[in-house]
């Protein structure tokens, strides 16, 4: 599995967890982590700018 594939899987899991959590502060932390993962994936893929799941 490539680095990009691993990042995509981690993004999908984090999105599910963010959607399931009832604590707003926890959800915000997860969304911040998602932004970081998406940035890493953009750099890995060479400039992809938007993700649609």
PDB file of N, CA and C in Angstrom:
ATOM      1  N   UNK A   1       0.850  -1.173   0.000  1.00  0.00           N
ATOM      2  CA  UNK A   1       0.000   0.000   0.000  1.00  0.00           C
ATOM      3  C   UNK A   1       0.899   1.241   0.000  1.00  0.00           C
ATOM      4  N   UNK A   2       0.574   2.190  -0.827  1.00  0.00           N
ATOM      5  CA  UNK A   2       1.388   3.403  -0.923  1.00  0.00           C
ATOM      6  C   UNK A   2       1.089   4.358   0.227  1.00  0.00           C
ATOM      7  N   UNK A   3       1.951   5.331   0.372  1.00  0.00           N
ATOM      8  CA  UNK A   3       1.746   6.354   1.405  1.00  0.00           C
ATOM      9  C   UNK A   3       0.431   7.091   1.190  1.00  0.00           C
ATOM     10  N   UNK A   4       0.118   7.391  -0.064  1.00  0.00           N
ATOM     11  CA  UNK A   4      -1.132   8.087  -0.366  1.00  0.00           C
ATOM     12  C   UNK A   4      -2.339   7.235   0.035  1.00  0.00           C
ATOM     13  N   UNK A   5      -2.277   5.942  -0.230  1.00  0.00           N
ATOM     14  CA  UNK A   5      -3.378   5.050   0.137  1.00  0.00           C
ATOM     15  C   UNK A   5      -3.545   5.000   1.653  1.00  0.00           C
ATOM     16  N   UNK A   6      -2.422   4.930   2.351  1.00  0.00           N
ATOM     17  CA  UNK A   6      -2.475   4.903   3.812  1.00  0.00           C
ATOM     18  C   UNK A   6      -3.075   6.191   4.365  1.00  0.00           C
ATOM     19  N   UNK A   7      -2.696   7.327   3.791  1.00  0.00           N
ATOM     20  CA  UNK A   7      -3.259   8.606   4.226  1.00  0.00           C
ATOM     21  C   UNK A   7      -4.759   8.658   3.950  1.00  0.00           C
ATOM     22  N   UNK A   8      -5.179   8.181   2.781  1.00  0.00           N
ATOM     23  CA  UNK A   8      -6.609   8.186   2.444  1.00  0.00           C
ATOM     24  C   UNK A   8      -7.392   7.333   3.438  1.00  0.00           C
ATOM     25  N   UNK A   9      -6.857   6.176   3.795  1.00  0.00           N
ATOM     26  CA  UNK A   9      -7.533   5.325   4.771  1.00  0.00           C
ATOM     27  C   UNK A   9      -7.626   6.023   6.120  1.00  0.00           C
ATOM     28  N   UNK A  10      -6.551   6.671   6.537  1.00  0.00           N
ATOM     29  CA  UNK A  10      -6.564   7.374   7.816  1.00  0.00           C
ATOM     30  C   UNK A  10      -7.560   8.530   7.793  1.00  0.00           C
ATOM     31  N   UNK A  11      -7.661   9.220   6.663  1.00  0.00           N
ATOM     32  CA  UNK A  11      -8.626  10.320   6.519  1.00  0.00           C
ATOM     33  C   UNK A  11     -10.048   9.780   6.628  1.00  0.00           C
ATOM     34  N   UNK A  12     -10.333   8.669   5.959  1.00  0.00           N
ATOM     35  CA  UNK A  12     -11.687   8.088   6.015  1.00  0.00           C
ATOM     36  C   UNK A  12     -12.079   7.708   7.443  1.00  0.00           C
ATOM     37  N   UNK A  13     -11.143   7.081   8.157  1.00  0.00           N
ATOM     38  CA  UNK A  13     -11.427   6.682   9.541  1.00  0.00           C
ATOM     39  C   UNK A  13     -11.658   7.911  10.408  1.00  0.00           C
ATOM     40  N   UNK A  14     -10.808   8.911  10.274  1.00  0.00           N
ATOM     41  CA  UNK A  14     -10.945  10.127  11.084  1.00  0.00           C
ATOM     42  C   UNK A  14     -12.267  10.838  10.786  1.00  0.00           C
ATOM     43  N   UNK A  15     -12.689  10.840   9.525  1.00  0.00           N
ATOM     44  CA  UNK A  15     -13.972  11.473   9.175  1.00  0.00           C
ATOM     45  C   UNK A  15     -15.128  10.738   9.846  1.00  0.00           C
ATOM     46  N   UNK A  16     -15.076   9.401   9.855  1.00  0.00           N
ATOM     47  CA  UNK A  16     -16.141   8.625  10.507  1.00  0.00           C
ATOM     48  C   UNK A  16     -16.176   8.916  12.000  1.00  0.00           C
ATOM     49  N   UNK A  17     -14.996   8.927  12.625  1.00  0.00           N
ATOM     50  CA  UNK A  17     -14.929   9.174  14.068  1.00  0.00           C
ATOM     51  C   UNK A  17     -15.438  10.578  14.394  1.00  0.00           C
ATOM     52  N   UNK A  18     -15.045  11.574  13.603  1.00  0.00           N
ATOM     53  CA  UNK A  18     -15.500  12.955  13.832  1.00  0.00           C
ATOM     54  C   UNK A  18     -17.022  13.034  13.732  1.00  0.00           C
ATOM     55  N   UNK A  19     -17.596  12.269  12.812  1.00  0.00           N
ATOM     56  CA  UNK A  19     -19.040  12.278  12.647  1.00  0.00           C
ATOM     57  C   UNK A  19     -19.787  11.559  13.762  1.00  0.00           C
ATOM     58  N   UNK A  20     -19.122  10.644  14.449  1.00  0.00           N
ATOM     59  CA  UNK A  20     -19.777   9.868  15.491  1.00  0.00           C
ATOM     60  C   UNK A  20     -19.642  10.482  16.884  1.00  0.00           C
ATOM     61  N   UNK A  21     -18.636  11.324  17.075  1.00  0.00           N
ATOM     62  CA  UNK A  21     -18.406  11.852  18.418  1.00  0.00           C
ATOM     63  C   UNK A  21     -19.458  12.894  18.782  1.00  0.00           C
ATOM     64  N   UNK A  22     -19.872  12.886  20.018  1.00  0.00           N
ATOM     65  CA  UNK A  22     -20.873  13.845  20.493  1.00  0.00           C
ATOM     66  C   UNK A  22     -20.233  15.065  21.141  1.00  0.00           C
ATOM     67  N   UNK A  23     -18.942  14.957  21.450  1.00  0.00           N
ATOM     68  CA  UNK A  23     -18.241  16.043  22.109  1.00  0.00           C
ATOM     69  C   UNK A  23     -17.715  17.015  21.053  1.00  0.00           C
ATOM     70  N   UNK A  24     -18.183  18.267  21.087  1.00  0.00           N
ATOM     71  CA  UNK A  24     -17.818  19.259  20.071  1.00  0.00           C
ATOM     72  C   UNK A  24     -16.319  19.551  20.070  1.00  0.00           C
ATOM     73  N   UNK A  25     -15.714  19.597  21.244  1.00  0.00           N
ATOM     74  CA  UNK A  25     -14.283  19.886  21.313  1.00  0.00           C
ATOM     75  C   UNK A  25     -13.468  18.748  20.684  1.00  0.00           C
ATOM     76  N   UNK A  26     -13.883  17.526  20.934  1.00  0.00           N
ATOM     77  CA  UNK A  26     -13.197  16.371  20.345  1.00  0.00           C
ATOM     78  C   UNK A  26     -13.368  16.376  18.837  1.00  0.00           C
ATOM     79  N   UNK A  27     -14.561  16.657  18.372  1.00  0.00           N
ATOM     80  CA  UNK A  27     -14.817  16.715  16.928  1.00  0.00           C
ATOM     81  C   UNK A  27     -13.945  17.787  16.276  1.00  0.00           C
ATOM     82  N   UNK A  28     -13.774  18.920  16.938  1.00  0.00           N
ATOM     83  CA  UNK A  28     -12.939  19.990  16.388  1.00  0.00           C
ATOM     84  C   UNK A  28     -11.477  19.550  16.306  1.00  0.00           C
ATOM     85  N   UNK A  29     -11.011  18.861  17.330  1.00  0.00           N
ATOM     86  CA  UNK A  29      -9.629  18.351  17.293  1.00  0.00           C
ATOM     87  C   UNK A  29      -9.438  17.369  16.144  1.00  0.00           C
ATOM     88  N   UNK A  30     -10.423  16.516  15.935  1.00  0.00           N
ATOM     89  CA  UNK A  30     -10.338  15.544  14.839  1.00  0.00           C
ATOM     90  C   UNK A  30     -10.351  16.257  13.500  1.00  0.00           C
ATOM     91  N   UNK A  31     -11.195  17.302  13.360  1.00  0.00           N
ATOM     92  CA  UNK A  31     -11.222  18.061  12.102  1.00  0.00           C
ATOM     93  C   UNK A  31      -9.888  18.759  11.851  1.00  0.00           C
ATOM     94  N   UNK A  32      -9.238  19.236  12.899  1.00  0.00           N
ATOM     95  CA  UNK A  32      -7.909  19.841  12.743  1.00  0.00           C
ATOM     96  C   UNK A  32      -6.908  18.799  12.263  1.00  0.00           C
ATOM     97  N   UNK A  33      -6.997  17.612  12.830  1.00  0.00           N
ATOM     98  CA  UNK A  33      -6.137  16.509  12.413  1.00  0.00           C
ATOM     99  C   UNK A  33      -6.421  16.144  10.958  1.00  0.00           C
ATOM    100  N   UNK A  34      -7.693  16.160  10.563  1.00  0.00           N
ATOM    101  CA  UNK A  34      -8.053  15.882   9.172  1.00  0.00           C
ATOM    102  C   UNK A  34      -7.412  16.886   8.229  1.00  0.00           C
ATOM    103  N   UNK A  35      -7.425  18.147   8.591  1.00  0.00           N
ATOM    104  CA  UNK A  35      -6.814  19.180   7.753  1.00  0.00           C
ATOM    105  C   UNK A  35      -5.322  18.898   7.569  1.00  0.00           C
ATOM    106  N   UNK A  36      -4.673  18.470   8.639  1.00  0.00           N
ATOM    107  CA  UNK A  36      -3.253  18.127   8.553  1.00  0.00           C
ATOM    108  C   UNK A  36      -3.031  16.920   7.639  1.00  0.00           C
ATOM    109  N   UNK A  37      -3.878  15.904   7.778  1.00  0.00           N
ATOM    110  CA  UNK A  37      -3.763  14.722   6.917  1.00  0.00           C
ATOM    111  C   UNK A  37      -3.990  15.081   5.454  1.00  0.00           C
ATOM    112  N   UNK A  38      -4.984  15.922   5.186  1.00  0.00           N
ATOM    113  CA  UNK A  38      -5.273  16.322   3.813  1.00  0.00           C
ATOM    114  C   UNK A  38      -4.103  17.098   3.220  1.00  0.00           C
ATOM    115  N   UNK A  39      -3.461  17.932   4.025  1.00  0.00           N
ATOM    116  CA  UNK A  39      -2.287  18.663   3.566  1.00  0.00           C
ATOM    117  C   UNK A  39      -1.159  17.696   3.220  1.00  0.00           C
ATOM    118  N   UNK A  40      -0.935  16.711   4.081  1.00  0.00           N
ATOM    119  CA  UNK A  40       0.099  15.707   3.819  1.00  0.00           C
ATOM    120  C   UNK A  40      -0.211  14.932   2.544  1.00  0.00           C
ATOM    121  N   UNK A  41      -1.493  14.596   2.334  1.00  0.00           N
ATOM    122  CA  UNK A  41      -1.880  13.864   1.133  1.00  0.00           C
ATOM    123  C   UNK A  41      -1.678  14.727  -0.110  1.00  0.00           C
ATOM    124  N   UNK A  42      -2.029  16.008  -0.026  1.00  0.00           N
ATOM    125  CA  UNK A  42      -1.818  16.934  -1.140  1.00  0.00           C
ATOM    126  C   UNK A  42      -0.340  16.947  -1.547  1.00  0.00           C
ATOM    127  N   UNK A  43       0.542  17.056  -0.550  1.00  0.00           N
ATOM    128  CA  UNK A  43       1.978  17.065  -0.840  1.00  0.00           C
ATOM    129  C   UNK A  43       2.427  15.730  -1.422  1.00  0.00           C
ATOM    130  N   UNK A  44       1.859  14.650  -0.926  1.00  0.00           N
ATOM    131  CA  UNK A  44       2.219  13.314  -1.396  1.00  0.00           C
ATOM    132  C   UNK A  44       1.799  13.114  -2.850  1.00  0.00           C
ATOM    133  N   UNK A  45       0.626  13.612  -3.190  1.00  0.00           N
ATOM    134  CA  UNK A  45       0.090  13.434  -4.544  1.00  0.00           C
ATOM    135  C   UNK A  45       0.528  14.537  -5.497  1.00  0.00           C
ATOM    136  N   UNK A  46       1.192  15.547  -4.991  1.00  0.00           N
ATOM    137  CA  UNK A  46       1.711  16.585  -5.871  1.00  0.00           C
ATOM    138  C   UNK A  46       0.735  17.682  -6.224  1.00  0.00           C
ATOM    139  N   UNK A  47      -0.104  18.094  -5.278  1.00  0.00           N
ATOM    140  CA  UNK A  47      -0.915  19.283  -5.506  1.00  0.00           C
ATOM    141  C   UNK A  47      -2.404  19.091  -5.665  1.00  0.00           C
ATOM    142  N   UNK A  48      -2.952  17.934  -5.364  1.00  0.00           N
ATOM    143  CA  UNK A  48      -4.403  17.761  -5.393  1.00  0.00           C
ATOM    144  C   UNK A  48      -4.989  18.755  -4.426  1.00  0.00           C
ATOM    145  N   UNK A  49      -6.027  19.482  -4.825  1.00  0.00           N
ATOM    146  CA  UNK A  49      -6.503  20.577  -3.996  1.00  0.00           C
ATOM    147  C   UNK A  49      -7.792  20.318  -3.236  1.00  0.00           C
ATOM    148  N   UNK A  50      -8.618  19.351  -3.660  1.00  0.00           N
ATOM    149  CA  UNK A  50      -9.892  19.142  -2.967  1.00  0.00           C
ATOM    150  C   UNK A  50     -10.190  17.660  -2.883  1.00  0.00           C
ATOM    151  N   UNK A  51     -10.747  17.264  -1.735  1.00  0.00           N
ATOM    152  CA  UNK A  51     -11.093  15.875  -1.533  1.00  0.00           C
ATOM    153  C   UNK A  51     -12.598  15.747  -1.382  1.00  0.00           C
ATOM    154  N   UNK A  52     -13.174  14.769  -2.059  1.00  0.00           N
ATOM    155  CA  UNK A  52     -14.604  14.515  -1.961  1.00  0.00           C
ATOM    156  C   UNK A  52     -14.784  13.061  -1.558  1.00  0.00           C
ATOM    157  N   UNK A  53     -15.504  12.845  -0.456  1.00  0.00           N
ATOM    158  CA  UNK A  53     -15.722  11.485   0.032  1.00  0.00           C
ATOM    159  C   UNK A  53     -17.189  11.175   0.023  1.00  0.00           C
TER     160      UNK A  53
END
